[in-house]
Protein backbone atom coordinates (compact mmCIF):
# COMPACT_ATOMS: atom_id res chain seq x y z
CA UNK A 1 74.81 -1.85 17.88
CA UNK A 2 78.51 -2.25 17.11
CA UNK A 3 79.09 -6.49 17.08
CA UNK A 4 81.41 -7.35 19.67
CA UNK A 5 83.83 -9.15 17.28
CA UNK A 6 83.93 -6.50 14.76
CA UNK A 7 84.93 -3.49 17.83
CA UNK A 8 87.54 -5.86 19.21
CA UNK A 9 89.16 -6.59 15.44
CA UNK A 10 89.09 -2.89 14.61
CA UNK A 11 90.22 -2.10 18.48
CA UNK A 12 93.52 -4.31 17.18
CA UNK A 13 93.66 -3.22 13.51
CA UNK A 14 94.35 0.33 14.32
CA UNK A 15 96.85 -0.24 16.68
CA UNK A 16 100.21 -1.10 14.85
CA UNK A 17 101.87 -2.60 18.50
CA UNK A 18 99.56 -5.54 18.88
CA UNK A 19 100.91 -5.82 22.58
CA UNK A 20 100.60 -2.71 23.02
CA UNK A 21 96.77 -3.09 22.07
CA UNK A 22 95.83 -5.74 23.96
CA UNK A 23 97.28 -3.95 26.68
CA UNK A 24 94.89 -1.19 26.34
CA UNK A 25 91.98 -3.69 25.64
CA UNK A 26 92.54 -5.67 29.07
CA UNK A 27 93.05 -2.11 30.96
CA UNK A 28 89.68 -1.14 29.63
CA UNK A 29 88.02 -3.99 30.04
CA UNK A 30 89.25 -4.47 33.89
CA UNK A 31 88.43 -0.88 34.85
CA UNK A 32 84.84 -1.47 34.76
CA UNK A 33 83.16 -1.20 37.48
CA UNK A 34 81.18 -4.45 36.44
CA UNK A 35 83.76 -6.57 35.58
CA UNK A 36 85.88 -5.84 39.17
CA UNK A 37 82.65 -6.74 40.83
CA UNK A 38 82.90 -9.72 38.77
CA UNK A 39 86.42 -10.53 39.90
CA UNK A 40 86.21 -10.23 43.43
CA UNK A 41 82.96 -13.01 43.64
CA UNK A 42 85.40 -15.10 41.49
CA UNK A 43 89.03 -15.12 42.62
CA UNK A 44 89.68 -18.63 41.38
CA UNK A 45 90.28 -17.06 37.74
CA UNK A 46 94.27 -16.88 37.51
CA UNK A 47 95.31 -14.10 34.94
CA UNK A 48 96.00 -16.26 32.03
CA UNK A 49 92.25 -17.29 32.41
CA UNK A 50 91.45 -13.64 32.29
CA UNK A 51 93.38 -12.83 29.47
CA UNK A 52 92.08 -15.59 27.90
CA UNK A 53 88.42 -14.77 28.32
CA UNK A 54 88.24 -11.15 28.19
CA UNK A 55 86.46 -11.44 24.55
CA UNK A 56 83.55 -12.68 27.00
CA UNK A 57 84.27 -9.82 29.71
CA UNK A 58 83.72 -7.48 27.35
CA UNK A 59 79.68 -9.14 26.35
CA UNK A 60 79.48 -9.17 29.57
CA UNK A 61 80.45 -5.37 30.58
CA UNK A 62 78.58 -3.62 27.60
CA UNK A 63 75.46 -5.12 27.44
CA UNK A 64 72.34 -3.61 29.56
CA UNK A 65 72.08 -5.32 32.33
CA UNK A 66 69.05 -3.30 34.37
CA UNK A 67 67.81 -1.70 31.04
CA UNK A 68 70.15 1.22 31.85
CA UNK A 69 71.50 1.78 28.28
CA UNK A 70 68.19 1.26 26.07
CA UNK A 71 65.41 3.88 25.93
CA UNK A 72 62.99 0.96 24.83
CA UNK A 73 62.70 -2.76 24.30
CA UNK A 74 62.81 -1.84 20.63
CA UNK A 75 65.89 0.08 21.18
CA UNK A 76 67.99 -2.63 23.24
CA UNK A 77 71.22 -2.74 22.44
CA UNK A 78 72.12 -6.41 23.95
CA UNK A 79 73.19 -9.44 21.68
CA UNK A 80 69.78 -10.63 22.26
CA UNK A 81 67.19 -7.99 22.27
CA UNK A 82 65.21 -8.46 25.26
CA UNK A 83 67.68 -10.47 27.15
CA UNK A 84 70.36 -9.73 29.52
CA UNK A 85 73.63 -11.87 30.53
CA UNK A 86 74.14 -13.24 33.87
CA UNK A 87 77.62 -14.33 34.51
CA UNK A 88 79.07 -17.42 36.25
CA UNK A 89 82.36 -19.13 36.26
CA UNK A 90 82.17 -22.90 35.54
CA UNK A 91 85.69 -24.93 35.41
CA UNK A 92 87.60 -21.80 34.88
CA UNK A 93 85.51 -21.17 32.05
CA UNK A 94 82.95 -17.97 32.19
CA UNK A 95 79.52 -18.79 31.05
CA UNK A 96 77.18 -16.59 30.07
CA UNK A 97 73.29 -17.15 30.34
CA UNK A 98 70.82 -15.07 29.28
CA UNK A 99 67.13 -14.72 30.24
CA UNK A 100 64.72 -11.55 29.87
CA UNK A 101 65.05 -8.35 30.73
CA UNK A 102 62.19 -5.86 32.95
CA UNK A 103 60.87 -4.59 29.77
CA UNK A 104 60.75 -7.78 28.12
CA UNK A 105 59.32 -10.03 30.62
CA UNK A 106 56.70 -7.12 30.96
CA UNK A 107 55.53 -8.03 26.84
CA UNK A 108 55.70 -11.29 27.76
CA UNK A 109 53.30 -11.19 30.71
CA UNK A 110 50.96 -8.74 28.57
CA UNK A 111 51.10 -11.13 25.43
CA UNK A 112 50.16 -14.25 28.37
CA UNK A 113 47.37 -12.02 29.37
CA UNK A 114 46.10 -11.21 26.15
CA UNK A 115 46.15 -14.57 25.04
CA UNK A 116 43.11 -15.56 27.35
CA UNK A 117 40.88 -12.15 25.09
CA UNK A 118 40.07 -13.52 21.67
CA UNK A 119 37.93 -11.33 19.78
CA UNK A 120 35.73 -11.56 16.16
CA UNK A 121 35.59 -8.58 14.43
CA UNK A 122 36.51 -6.29 17.46
CA UNK A 123 38.29 -3.00 17.43
CA UNK A 124 41.38 -3.40 18.87
CA UNK A 125 41.03 -0.56 21.76
CA UNK A 126 39.38 -3.74 23.44
CA UNK A 127 42.69 -5.00 24.72
CA UNK A 128 43.15 -1.75 26.62
CA UNK A 129 40.01 -1.33 28.37
CA UNK A 130 40.07 -1.67 31.94
CA UNK A 131 37.46 -0.86 35.10
CA UNK A 132 39.72 2.68 36.07
CA UNK A 133 39.11 4.14 33.06
CA UNK A 134 35.30 3.72 33.32
CA UNK A 135 33.04 6.89 33.99
CA UNK A 136 30.24 7.17 35.94
CA UNK A 137 27.26 9.27 35.90
CA UNK A 138 24.01 9.53 38.33
CA UNK A 139 21.95 6.26 37.47
CA UNK A 140 23.96 5.20 34.32
CA UNK A 141 26.66 2.62 34.73
CA UNK A 142 26.50 2.42 37.95
CA UNK A 143 24.73 -0.82 38.53
CA UNK A 144 26.15 -2.33 35.31
CA UNK A 145 29.15 -2.10 36.39
CA UNK A 146 28.56 -3.12 40.02
CA UNK A 147 27.33 -6.62 38.22
CA UNK A 148 30.36 -6.81 35.80
CA UNK A 149 32.81 -5.75 38.65
CA UNK A 150 30.51 -8.13 41.37
CA UNK A 151 31.08 -11.38 38.31
CA UNK A 152 34.89 -10.54 37.97
CA UNK A 153 35.61 -10.84 42.10
CA UNK A 154 33.50 -13.88 42.49
CA UNK A 155 35.78 -15.32 39.31
CA UNK A 156 38.01 -17.99 40.92
CA UNK A 157 39.48 -21.45 39.14
CA UNK A 158 36.06 -20.88 36.77
CA UNK A 159 33.99 -18.00 36.47
CA UNK A 160 30.22 -17.83 38.03
CA UNK A 161 27.40 -19.49 35.74
CA UNK A 162 25.57 -16.29 34.58
CA UNK A 163 26.68 -13.22 32.95
CA UNK A 164 24.61 -10.05 32.18
CA UNK A 165 22.52 -8.77 29.22
CA UNK A 166 23.00 -5.02 29.23
CA UNK A 167 20.96 -2.83 26.89
CA UNK A 168 20.94 0.53 26.59
CA UNK A 169 21.10 3.48 23.89
CA UNK A 170 23.68 3.68 21.52
CA UNK A 171 27.59 4.35 22.89
CA UNK A 172 26.76 4.53 26.71
CA UNK A 173 29.99 2.39 27.04
CA UNK A 174 28.21 -1.30 27.11
CA UNK A 175 31.04 -3.10 24.96
CA UNK A 176 33.75 -1.09 26.50
CA UNK A 177 32.38 -2.28 30.16
CA UNK A 178 32.90 -6.00 28.95
CA UNK A 179 36.37 -5.55 27.47
CA UNK A 180 37.27 -4.47 30.29
CA UNK A 181 36.03 -7.59 32.31
CA UNK A 182 37.49 -9.50 29.30
CA UNK A 183 40.94 -7.95 30.18
CA UNK A 184 41.10 -8.10 34.15
CA UNK A 185 39.75 -12.31 33.69
CA UNK A 186 42.46 -12.50 31.65
CA UNK A 187 44.54 -11.53 34.59
CA UNK A 188 43.02 -14.47 36.28
CA UNK A 189 44.19 -16.55 33.22
CA UNK A 190 40.24 -17.22 32.58
CA UNK A 191 39.80 -16.78 28.58
CA UNK A 192 37.11 -15.15 27.36
CA UNK A 193 35.57 -14.64 23.38
CA UNK A 194 34.26 -11.24 22.56
CA UNK A 195 32.17 -11.58 19.20
CA UNK A 196 30.64 -8.70 17.42
CA UNK A 197 27.34 -10.16 16.14
CA UNK A 198 26.51 -8.89 12.56
CA UNK A 199 30.40 -10.01 11.44
CA UNK A 200 29.71 -13.36 12.94
CA UNK A 201 25.92 -13.77 10.72
CA UNK A 202 27.90 -13.38 7.86
CA UNK A 203 31.01 -15.12 9.08
CA UNK A 204 28.94 -18.33 10.17
CA UNK A 205 26.82 -18.19 6.60
CA UNK A 206 30.28 -18.47 4.84
CA UNK A 207 31.20 -21.29 6.84
CA UNK A 208 28.94 -23.14 5.30
CA UNK A 209 30.99 -23.30 2.36
CA UNK A 210 34.27 -24.31 3.68
CA UNK A 211 32.81 -27.26 6.06
CA UNK A 212 34.33 -24.93 9.43
CA UNK A 213 31.13 -24.16 10.83
CA UNK A 214 31.10 -27.01 13.52
CA UNK A 215 34.13 -25.89 14.69
CA UNK A 216 33.65 -22.61 15.46
CA UNK A 217 30.39 -23.65 17.21
CA UNK A 218 32.19 -25.92 19.47
CA UNK A 219 34.50 -22.92 19.83
CA UNK A 220 32.22 -20.42 20.89
CA UNK A 221 30.31 -23.04 22.94
CA UNK A 222 33.17 -24.09 24.95
CA UNK A 223 34.76 -20.79 26.07
CA UNK A 224 35.01 -20.08 29.65
CA UNK A 225 33.41 -16.42 29.01
CA UNK A 226 31.31 -15.96 25.86
CA UNK A 227 30.35 -12.40 25.10
CA UNK A 228 28.18 -11.27 22.07
CA UNK A 229 28.30 -8.00 21.12
CA UNK A 230 25.32 -6.00 19.53
CA UNK A 231 22.87 -9.16 19.51
CA UNK A 232 19.85 -7.63 17.42
CA UNK A 233 21.93 -5.09 15.18
CA UNK A 234 21.52 -7.86 12.50
CA UNK A 235 18.80 -9.68 11.10
CA UNK A 236 18.94 -13.14 12.34
CA UNK A 237 17.73 -15.86 9.48
CA UNK A 238 15.37 -18.84 11.08
CA UNK A 239 18.54 -20.53 10.37
CA UNK A 240 21.34 -18.88 12.43
CA UNK A 241 18.85 -18.20 14.91
CA UNK A 242 18.24 -22.31 15.65
CA UNK A 243 21.04 -23.82 14.09
CA UNK A 244 24.14 -21.49 15.86
CA UNK A 245 22.75 -19.23 18.28
CA UNK A 246 20.27 -21.55 19.83
CA UNK A 247 22.84 -24.05 19.69
CA UNK A 248 25.39 -21.92 21.14
CA UNK A 249 23.07 -20.76 24.06
CA UNK A 250 21.35 -24.63 24.53
CA UNK A 251 25.10 -25.90 24.98
CA UNK A 252 26.56 -22.99 27.49
CA UNK A 253 22.60 -23.05 29.86
CA UNK A 254 23.61 -27.05 29.91
CA UNK A 255 26.81 -26.95 31.07
CA UNK A 256 26.31 -23.50 33.00
CA UNK A 257 28.58 -21.19 31.15
CA UNK A 258 28.00 -17.63 31.44
CA UNK A 259 27.54 -15.29 28.63
CA UNK A 260 27.52 -11.99 28.04
CA UNK A 261 25.38 -9.86 25.82
CA UNK A 262 25.31 -5.66 24.81
CA UNK A 263 22.20 -4.67 22.87
CA UNK A 264 20.38 -1.60 22.13
CA UNK A 265 17.29 -3.43 22.63
CA UNK A 266 15.67 -5.00 25.57
CA UNK A 267 14.71 -8.34 26.27
CA UNK A 268 11.27 -8.12 24.95
CA UNK A 269 12.28 -6.07 21.94
CA UNK A 270 14.19 -9.13 20.99
CA UNK A 271 12.23 -11.08 21.68
CA UNK A 272 9.54 -9.89 18.50
CA UNK A 273 12.97 -9.21 16.49
CA UNK A 274 13.95 -13.20 16.83
CA UNK A 275 9.96 -14.11 16.08
CA UNK A 276 10.14 -12.65 12.56
CA UNK A 277 11.31 -15.22 9.87
CA UNK A 278 12.52 -14.38 6.74
CA UNK A 279 9.23 -14.66 4.98
CA UNK A 280 7.32 -12.26 6.89
CA UNK A 281 5.80 -15.53 9.16
CA UNK A 282 5.99 -15.09 13.29
CA UNK A 283 7.70 -17.71 14.98
CA UNK A 284 7.28 -16.73 18.55
CA UNK A 285 7.88 -20.28 20.25
CA UNK A 286 10.99 -20.54 18.87
CA UNK A 287 11.76 -17.12 19.44
CA UNK A 288 10.49 -18.08 22.94
CA UNK A 289 12.99 -20.65 23.60
CA UNK A 290 15.89 -18.68 22.56
CA UNK A 291 14.78 -15.86 24.91
CA UNK A 292 14.37 -18.45 27.75
CA UNK A 293 18.05 -19.14 27.16
CA UNK A 294 19.21 -15.90 27.77
CA UNK A 295 17.20 -15.56 30.53
CA UNK A 296 18.69 -18.46 32.37
CA UNK A 297 22.24 -17.61 31.10
CA UNK A 298 22.09 -13.91 31.82
CA UNK A 299 20.92 -11.23 34.03
CA UNK A 300 19.20 -8.22 32.46
CA UNK A 301 20.61 -4.51 33.38
CA UNK A 302 19.88 -1.28 31.43
CA UNK A 303 22.84 1.00 30.80
CA UNK A 304 22.05 4.87 30.39
CA UNK A 305 24.09 7.99 29.86
CA UNK A 306 25.48 10.48 27.21
CA UNK A 307 26.52 9.03 24.11
CA UNK A 308 30.39 9.52 24.72
CA UNK A 309 30.87 8.31 20.72
CA UNK A 310 29.94 11.54 19.55
CA UNK A 311 32.64 13.36 22.41
């Protein structure tokens, strides 16, 4: 983009006769349909006022007002990328006021929506997940999609109190379905936190040394909607099971905040895994407490179908 000042200086410099140059410049600017329309709306502007503000009129004219001169937001030609000028007259002076163009407004809206979806160690593709892209198969995803969509439709200022525990084989779309829910809830400005459990376990262990563990646990406790992805994929130590996962689920059960889960294990299988302690001990009571909380805050739904990761 050629700077306005440079363009005008070059225009004048390449003409020996300043007055001739000025007249040519004036004629070209005032012949613009956009400038004609603007001056017609402001007949109070005198010839002298117009001549003294040709640069301002040129700035207003050459820019893209309705994205008509820009192929994309990145290739915007305007002085302030993504912003278009509006012109008005005040006390004989032409004033330009910049506001977001159509593309910039869409980008800001998308950024705002995405700010309601926070993820921990989740793939970037989750931000593109939508209900409309979910492929249904007989006796496969229908019930899961119906339950998740019902949760979305019943979400007003606050979401319903109970989430869904999706369990099934690898690659049947459990994570994608809940990512789509998070993105749809973002349109209602309901915040969602998605957590990939295996990395979450490792991060919590590392957080002990930097004293941030309580702060992180509190964040997971208070999210409007919490999604634990792939629970059961990582061995849960008794410490993590009781002090981290148990604390989060207990708080959300008491506050009636929904939690969603994805897992390759059904509830009975998960309970068996949670009951196994690190030294070969079996702690059935503590595992049962965790499972009771999971049942209080989510409803189990099996997801079947083809493994789409192989496609």
